[in-house]
Amino acid sequence: METLNARKGRPGGAGHELETALDELYTTPPSGFVARRETLAAAAKTAGRVDDARRIHAARRPTLAA
């Protein structure tokens, strides 16, 4: 069953924005990972998504081998 995000009117539910942010974060080059993580976490917190901000901020920078 597909859920609808009421604020944006799109499929995906509440976790969709978090997944999108994490996808974006992990496609960022390693040199910009930390700065982008902080920016995405701050944006989520400003939008009132404190739990999402906490999860984004807890994301670990991937190793260079990854």
Protein backbone atom coordinates (compact mmCIF):
# COMPACT_ATOMS: atom_id res chain seq x y z
CA MET A 1 0.00 0.00 0.00
CA GLU A 2 1.43 3.34 -1.04
CA THR A 3 1.20 6.28 1.34
CA LEU A 4 0.89 9.91 0.35
CA ASN A 5 2.96 12.68 1.84
CA ALA A 6 0.27 15.19 2.82
CA ARG A 7 2.56 18.23 2.78
CA LYS A 8 4.01 17.64 -0.65
CA GLY A 9 1.23 15.61 -2.25
CA ARG A 10 3.59 12.93 -3.47
CA PRO A 11 4.06 9.23 -2.75
CA GLY A 12 6.56 8.05 -0.21
CA GLY A 13 5.28 8.97 3.23
CA ALA A 14 7.19 10.63 6.02
CA GLY A 15 10.48 8.79 5.41
CA HIS A 16 10.73 9.81 1.78
CA GLU A 17 12.43 13.14 2.53
CA LEU A 18 14.95 11.43 4.80
CA GLU A 19 15.76 8.81 2.17
CA THR A 20 16.18 11.50 -0.47
CA ALA A 21 18.53 13.50 1.77
CA LEU A 22 20.64 10.43 2.58
CA ASP A 23 20.79 9.44 -1.10
CA GLU A 24 22.00 12.93 -1.94
CA LEU A 25 24.49 12.86 0.91
CA TYR A 26 26.06 9.56 -0.12
CA THR A 27 26.48 10.72 -3.73
CA THR A 28 28.44 13.77 -2.54
CA PRO A 29 32.22 13.52 -3.07
CA PRO A 30 34.04 12.53 0.15
CA SER A 31 35.72 15.94 0.41
CA GLY A 32 32.33 17.67 0.67
CA PHE A 33 30.53 15.03 2.72
CA VAL A 34 30.76 16.65 6.16
CA ALA A 35 29.74 20.11 4.97
CA ARG A 36 26.79 18.71 3.00
CA ARG A 37 25.73 16.54 5.96
CA GLU A 38 25.64 19.60 8.22
CA THR A 39 23.66 21.59 5.64
CA LEU A 40 21.08 18.82 5.15
CA ALA A 41 20.73 18.26 8.91
CA ALA A 42 20.24 21.98 9.53
CA ALA A 43 17.60 22.16 6.77
CA ALA A 44 15.70 19.23 8.25
CA LYS A 45 15.83 20.76 11.73
CA THR A 46 14.61 24.13 10.41
CA ALA A 47 11.72 22.33 8.69
CA GLY A 48 10.72 20.83 12.04
CA ARG A 49 11.95 17.32 11.24
CA VAL A 50 14.16 16.93 14.32
CA ASP A 51 14.35 13.12 14.12
CA ASP A 52 15.39 13.29 10.47
CA ALA A 53 18.02 15.91 11.33
CA ARG A 54 19.42 13.63 14.02
CA ARG A 55 19.61 10.66 11.63
CA ILE A 56 21.27 12.75 8.90
CA HIS A 57 23.79 14.14 11.38
CA ALA A 58 24.60 10.59 12.56
CA ALA A 59 25.45 9.43 9.01
CA ARG A 60 29.07 8.34 8.75
CA ARG A 61 31.36 9.50 5.99
CA PRO A 62 32.15 6.55 3.70
CA THR A 63 35.71 5.32 3.40
CA LEU A 64 37.62 6.11 0.25
CA ALA A 65 37.59 2.42 -0.66
CA ALA A 66 33.79 2.42 -0.68
